[in-house]
Amino acid sequence: MTSGKIEVGTHALNCRVDGEPGNPWLILSNSLATDHEMWQPQIDALTRTHRVLRYDTRGHGASAAPPGPYEFDHLVADVIALMDAHEIEKATFMGLSLGGMTALGLALDHPDRIERIICCDARADAPDIYKKMWPAMIGKAREEGMDALVGPTLERWFSEHFRSNPASRAALEATRDMIRRTAVEGYAGCASALMRLDYLPRLPQISVPAHFIVGEHDPAAPLPVMREMAEATPGADFTVIPGAAHLSNVERPDVFNDVVTTWLARA
């Protein structure tokens, strides 16, 4: 395992590498208001076959939070800069929510660097109802701090069954901590990018293998929306994680890991 910060232009990104040298590269990208630790339930399974690079998206975790607003072009460019810094010619890329949208941008604009993508619990567009929710959330974060977003965010991200299960306590607390330590400027910057999300018309142009994964009860990236995204993407696979909401990799890691490792082995 190696970890540290990598300079990418005007800012630094925190990253961590696990797995054996010589294995194919797999890059993992976090959701809004989390960091690379959200992927901890997957690491044991994924490092059996891959060298895994996790990073904190700009404005998240221990990465720098340059002044916003951000664009997805910025988030995509950060990944390419990290790949260059690690001398990674090509990699598989998996992201969830904000990270899944970054996966789409990479597949569309850098197919020469991306072998395949796994896009989890994400959208490809920003309809009006989606755009209208972000200014209030950005304002709440700026006025009251990220702690004010913890409760409502956990309600969207996890099913009631998961939130009420004593066995989920450690995962819920870890997620609370990630939300709280997200920089307000980073949250606001990335939320601004979400309001301008517009990859949907370009999905038919994706030329790399793609797998779309969604939690059965995800309110943020609903199952029908992600099914339509998969249908619009040439040759894409589509999987539903039963019983899970938005952070399907945390809520059902057993099912999620089996789906991902099976697809990677087949691909």
Protein backbone atom coordinates (compact mmCIF):
# COMPACT_ATOMS: atom_id res chain seq x y z
CA MET A 1 0.00 0.00 0.00
CA THR A 2 1.19 3.50 -0.84
CA SER A 3 -0.59 6.77 -0.14
CA GLY A 4 0.05 10.48 -0.47
CA LYS A 5 -0.79 13.62 -2.36
CA ILE A 6 -0.17 14.17 -6.05
CA GLU A 7 0.08 17.64 -7.58
CA VAL A 8 -2.30 18.02 -10.53
CA GLY A 9 -1.92 21.49 -11.92
CA THR A 10 -2.93 24.08 -9.33
CA HIS A 11 -3.97 21.67 -6.56
CA ALA A 12 -3.13 18.35 -4.90
CA LEU A 13 -5.21 15.19 -4.80
CA ASN A 14 -4.95 12.64 -2.03
CA CYS A 15 -4.70 9.07 -3.29
CA ARG A 16 -3.92 5.54 -2.17
CA VAL A 17 -2.72 2.49 -4.10
CA ASP A 18 -3.39 -1.10 -2.97
CA GLY A 19 -2.65 -4.40 -4.68
CA GLU A 20 0.25 -6.10 -6.37
CA PRO A 21 2.44 -4.36 -8.95
CA GLY A 22 1.90 -5.91 -12.36
CA ASN A 23 -1.82 -6.43 -11.92
CA PRO A 24 -4.12 -4.40 -14.21
CA TRP A 25 -5.08 -0.98 -12.89
CA LEU A 26 -8.52 -0.20 -11.49
CA ILE A 27 -9.34 3.38 -10.43
CA LEU A 28 -12.15 4.08 -7.94
CA SER A 29 -13.95 7.44 -7.69
CA ASN A 30 -16.09 8.56 -4.75
CA SER A 31 -19.54 10.09 -4.53
CA LEU A 32 -20.31 13.66 -3.55
CA ALA A 33 -19.53 14.28 0.16
CA THR A 34 -17.50 11.10 0.69
CA ASP A 35 -13.88 10.20 -0.03
CA HIS A 36 -11.78 7.18 -1.02
CA GLU A 37 -12.71 5.37 2.21
CA MET A 38 -16.21 4.71 0.83
CA TRP A 39 -14.64 1.90 -1.22
CA GLN A 40 -13.14 0.06 1.76
CA PRO A 41 -15.75 -2.76 1.57
CA GLN A 42 -14.49 -3.57 -1.94
CA ILE A 43 -10.72 -3.52 -1.44
CA ASP A 44 -10.12 -7.11 -0.32
CA ALA A 45 -12.10 -8.46 -3.27
CA LEU A 46 -10.69 -6.11 -5.91
CA THR A 47 -7.00 -6.36 -4.96
CA ARG A 48 -7.03 -10.11 -5.61
CA THR A 49 -6.91 -9.34 -9.32
CA HIS A 50 -6.17 -5.60 -9.70
CA ARG A 51 -3.90 -2.83 -8.55
CA VAL A 52 -6.38 -0.34 -7.13
CA LEU A 53 -5.93 3.43 -7.17
CA ARG A 54 -8.35 5.31 -4.94
CA TYR A 55 -8.39 9.08 -4.74
CA ASP A 56 -10.34 11.85 -3.04
CA THR A 57 -12.15 13.95 -5.63
CA ARG A 58 -11.09 17.61 -5.52
CA GLY A 59 -12.67 19.31 -2.53
CA HIS A 60 -13.19 16.01 -0.71
CA GLY A 61 -11.31 14.08 1.96
CA ALA A 62 -7.67 15.15 2.17
CA SER A 63 -7.58 16.59 -1.37
CA ALA A 64 -7.32 20.34 -1.89
CA ALA A 65 -10.47 22.38 -2.50
CA PRO A 66 -9.64 24.93 -5.20
CA PRO A 67 -12.16 27.75 -5.67
CA GLY A 68 -15.29 26.63 -7.52
CA PRO A 69 -17.51 26.21 -9.34
CA TYR A 70 -16.20 23.00 -10.94
CA GLU A 71 -17.06 21.37 -14.25
CA PHE A 72 -16.96 17.68 -15.11
CA ASP A 73 -14.15 18.54 -17.52
CA HIS A 74 -12.12 19.48 -14.42
CA LEU A 75 -12.92 16.22 -12.63
CA VAL A 76 -12.06 14.18 -15.72
CA ALA A 77 -8.80 16.09 -16.21
CA ASP A 78 -7.86 15.36 -12.58
CA VAL A 79 -8.11 11.62 -13.28
CA ILE A 80 -5.95 11.83 -16.40
CA ALA A 81 -3.37 13.81 -14.42
CA LEU A 82 -3.35 11.14 -11.71
CA MET A 83 -2.91 8.43 -14.33
CA ASP A 84 0.01 10.33 -15.82
CA ALA A 85 1.59 10.79 -12.40
CA HIS A 86 1.35 7.05 -11.72
CA GLU A 87 2.47 6.19 -15.27
CA ILE A 88 -0.81 4.40 -15.96
CA GLU A 89 -1.32 4.03 -19.70
CA LYS A 90 -4.80 2.48 -19.47
CA ALA A 91 -7.11 1.54 -16.62
CA THR A 92 -10.56 0.32 -15.75
CA PHE A 93 -12.54 3.00 -13.93
CA MET A 94 -15.38 2.55 -11.43
CA GLY A 95 -17.26 5.45 -9.86
CA LEU A 96 -20.42 5.91 -7.85
CA SER A 97 -22.77 8.92 -8.14
CA LEU A 98 -20.41 11.87 -8.81
CA GLY A 99 -17.71 9.29 -9.54
CA GLY A 100 -20.00 7.41 -11.92
CA MET A 101 -20.63 10.60 -13.85
CA THR A 102 -16.87 11.12 -14.01
CA ALA A 103 -16.64 7.61 -15.47
CA LEU A 104 -18.98 8.63 -18.27
CA GLY A 105 -16.85 11.70 -19.06
CA LEU A 106 -13.69 9.61 -19.18
CA ALA A 107 -15.25 7.01 -21.47
CA LEU A 108 -16.51 9.72 -23.82
CA ASP A 109 -13.47 11.97 -23.94
CA HIS A 110 -10.55 9.59 -23.23
CA PRO A 111 -11.37 6.15 -24.65
CA ASP A 112 -7.68 5.73 -25.44
CA ARG A 113 -6.91 5.74 -21.69
CA ILE A 114 -9.94 3.88 -20.31
CA GLU A 115 -10.35 0.13 -20.87
CA ARG A 116 -13.86 -0.17 -19.42
CA ILE A 117 -16.12 1.63 -16.96
CA ILE A 118 -18.46 0.68 -14.15
CA CYS A 119 -20.97 3.46 -13.53
CA CYS A 120 -22.83 3.04 -10.23
CA ASP A 121 -25.88 4.90 -8.91
CA ALA A 122 -25.40 7.91 -11.17
CA ARG A 123 -27.32 10.11 -13.58
CA ALA A 124 -26.25 11.34 -17.01
CA ASP A 125 -28.34 14.51 -17.11
CA ALA A 126 -29.73 17.24 -14.85
CA PRO A 127 -33.49 17.70 -15.31
CA ASP A 128 -35.04 20.84 -13.85
CA ILE A 129 -36.20 19.17 -10.62
CA TYR A 130 -32.66 17.92 -10.07
CA LYS A 131 -31.09 21.32 -10.78
CA LYS A 132 -33.43 23.10 -8.40
CA MET A 133 -32.46 21.02 -5.34
CA TRP A 134 -28.79 22.01 -5.31
CA PRO A 135 -28.81 25.77 -4.57
CA ALA A 136 -30.64 25.19 -1.28
CA MET A 137 -28.26 22.43 -0.27
CA ILE A 138 -25.22 24.52 -1.17
CA GLY A 139 -26.67 27.42 0.82
CA LYS A 140 -27.29 25.20 3.84
CA ALA A 141 -23.71 23.91 3.73
CA ARG A 142 -22.30 27.44 3.49
CA GLU A 143 -24.49 28.80 6.28
CA GLU A 144 -24.54 25.89 8.74
CA GLY A 145 -21.61 23.68 7.77
CA MET A 146 -21.55 20.14 6.44
CA ASP A 147 -22.87 18.69 9.70
CA ALA A 148 -26.29 20.12 8.79
CA LEU A 149 -26.42 17.84 5.74
CA VAL A 150 -25.58 14.60 7.53
CA GLY A 151 -29.12 13.56 8.55
CA PRO A 152 -30.97 14.19 5.28
CA THR A 153 -28.08 12.77 3.26
CA LEU A 154 -28.03 9.47 5.16
CA GLU A 155 -31.80 9.18 4.64
CA ARG A 156 -31.32 9.43 0.87
CA TRP A 157 -28.27 7.21 0.72
CA PHE A 158 -29.43 4.22 2.78
CA SER A 159 -32.65 2.28 3.11
CA GLU A 160 -34.63 2.52 6.34
CA HIS A 161 -33.87 -1.14 7.01
CA PHE A 162 -30.13 -0.51 6.79
CA ARG A 163 -30.27 2.64 8.94
CA SER A 164 -32.23 0.87 11.69
CA ASN A 165 -30.05 -2.25 11.76
CA PRO A 166 -27.55 -2.25 14.68
CA ALA A 167 -25.11 -4.16 12.48
CA SER A 168 -24.91 -1.09 10.20
CA ARG A 169 -23.71 1.26 12.94
CA ALA A 170 -20.03 1.24 11.97
CA ALA A 171 -20.76 1.85 8.27
CA LEU A 172 -23.17 4.68 9.08
CA GLU A 173 -20.71 6.36 11.42
CA ALA A 174 -17.92 6.09 8.85
CA THR A 175 -20.20 7.72 6.28
CA ARG A 176 -21.15 10.49 8.71
CA ASP A 177 -17.47 11.22 9.24
CA MET A 178 -16.81 11.43 5.50
CA ILE A 179 -19.66 13.91 5.01
CA ARG A 180 -18.49 16.06 7.93
CA ARG A 181 -14.91 16.30 6.70
CA THR A 182 -15.87 17.31 3.17
CA ALA A 183 -14.81 20.89 2.48
CA VAL A 184 -17.80 23.20 1.97
CA GLU A 185 -16.08 24.73 -1.07
CA GLY A 186 -15.52 21.26 -2.52
CA TYR A 187 -19.12 20.25 -1.92
CA ALA A 188 -20.40 23.46 -3.50
CA GLY A 189 -18.00 23.21 -6.43
CA CYS A 190 -18.98 19.64 -7.28
CA ALA A 191 -22.69 20.31 -6.73
CA SER A 192 -22.37 23.09 -9.29
CA ALA A 193 -20.96 20.55 -11.76
CA LEU A 194 -23.96 18.30 -11.10
CA MET A 195 -26.32 21.11 -12.07
CA ARG A 196 -24.66 21.26 -15.50
CA LEU A 197 -24.47 17.51 -16.08
CA ASP A 198 -25.23 16.79 -19.74
CA TYR A 199 -23.78 13.44 -20.83
CA LEU A 200 -27.09 11.78 -21.69
CA PRO A 201 -27.21 12.76 -25.40
CA ARG A 202 -23.65 11.44 -25.84
CA LEU A 203 -24.09 7.98 -24.28
CA PRO A 204 -24.49 6.30 -27.70
CA GLN A 205 -20.93 7.46 -28.45
CA ILE A 206 -19.36 5.38 -25.64
CA SER A 207 -17.09 2.83 -27.27
CA VAL A 208 -15.58 1.04 -24.25
CA PRO A 209 -17.30 -1.79 -22.36
CA ALA A 210 -19.64 -0.37 -19.72
CA HIS A 211 -21.58 -1.79 -16.81
CA PHE A 212 -24.30 0.21 -15.05
CA ILE A 213 -25.12 -0.76 -11.45
CA VAL A 214 -27.96 0.69 -9.36
CA GLY A 215 -29.46 0.10 -5.95
CA GLU A 216 -33.04 -1.15 -6.21
CA HIS A 217 -34.36 1.70 -4.05
CA ASP A 218 -31.98 4.50 -5.03
CA PRO A 219 -33.94 7.80 -4.96
CA ALA A 220 -31.04 9.89 -6.32
CA ALA A 221 -30.33 7.80 -9.42
CA PRO A 222 -33.58 5.86 -9.85
CA LEU A 223 -33.56 2.39 -11.36
CA PRO A 224 -35.59 3.38 -14.47
CA VAL A 225 -33.20 6.27 -15.17
CA MET A 226 -30.16 4.03 -15.02
CA ARG A 227 -31.82 1.34 -17.11
CA GLU A 228 -32.41 3.94 -19.83
CA MET A 229 -28.76 5.00 -19.59
CA ALA A 230 -27.64 1.40 -20.06
CA GLU A 231 -29.98 0.94 -23.00
CA ALA A 232 -28.56 4.08 -24.64
CA THR A 233 -24.96 2.85 -24.26
CA PRO A 234 -23.82 0.37 -26.95
CA GLY A 235 -23.37 -3.13 -25.56
CA ALA A 236 -23.68 -2.04 -21.91
CA ASP A 237 -24.56 -4.39 -19.06
CA PHE A 238 -27.05 -3.46 -16.32
CA THR A 239 -27.42 -4.84 -12.80
CA VAL A 240 -29.76 -4.02 -9.91
CA ILE A 241 -28.50 -4.48 -6.33
CA PRO A 242 -31.54 -5.80 -4.41
CA GLY A 243 -32.63 -3.89 -1.31
CA ALA A 244 -29.98 -1.17 -1.61
CA ALA A 245 -30.43 2.57 -1.90
CA HIS A 246 -27.83 5.08 -3.18
CA LEU A 247 -24.56 3.79 -1.68
CA SER A 248 -25.18 0.28 -2.96
CA ASN A 249 -21.54 -0.72 -2.47
CA VAL A 250 -21.80 0.03 1.27
CA GLU A 251 -25.31 -1.27 1.89
CA ARG A 252 -24.89 -4.59 0.04
CA PRO A 253 -21.14 -5.15 -0.36
CA ASP A 254 -21.56 -8.91 -0.67
CA VAL A 255 -23.79 -8.66 -3.73
CA PHE A 256 -22.00 -5.61 -5.13
CA ASN A 257 -18.55 -7.24 -4.93
CA ASP A 258 -19.77 -10.43 -6.60
CA VAL A 259 -21.33 -8.45 -9.47
CA VAL A 260 -18.21 -6.36 -10.04
CA THR A 261 -15.61 -9.12 -9.76
CA THR A 262 -17.63 -11.42 -12.01
CA TRP A 263 -17.95 -8.72 -14.68
CA LEU A 264 -14.27 -7.77 -14.48
CA ALA A 265 -13.26 -11.42 -14.85
CA ARG A 266 -15.52 -11.86 -17.86
CA ALA A 267 -14.42 -8.60 -19.46
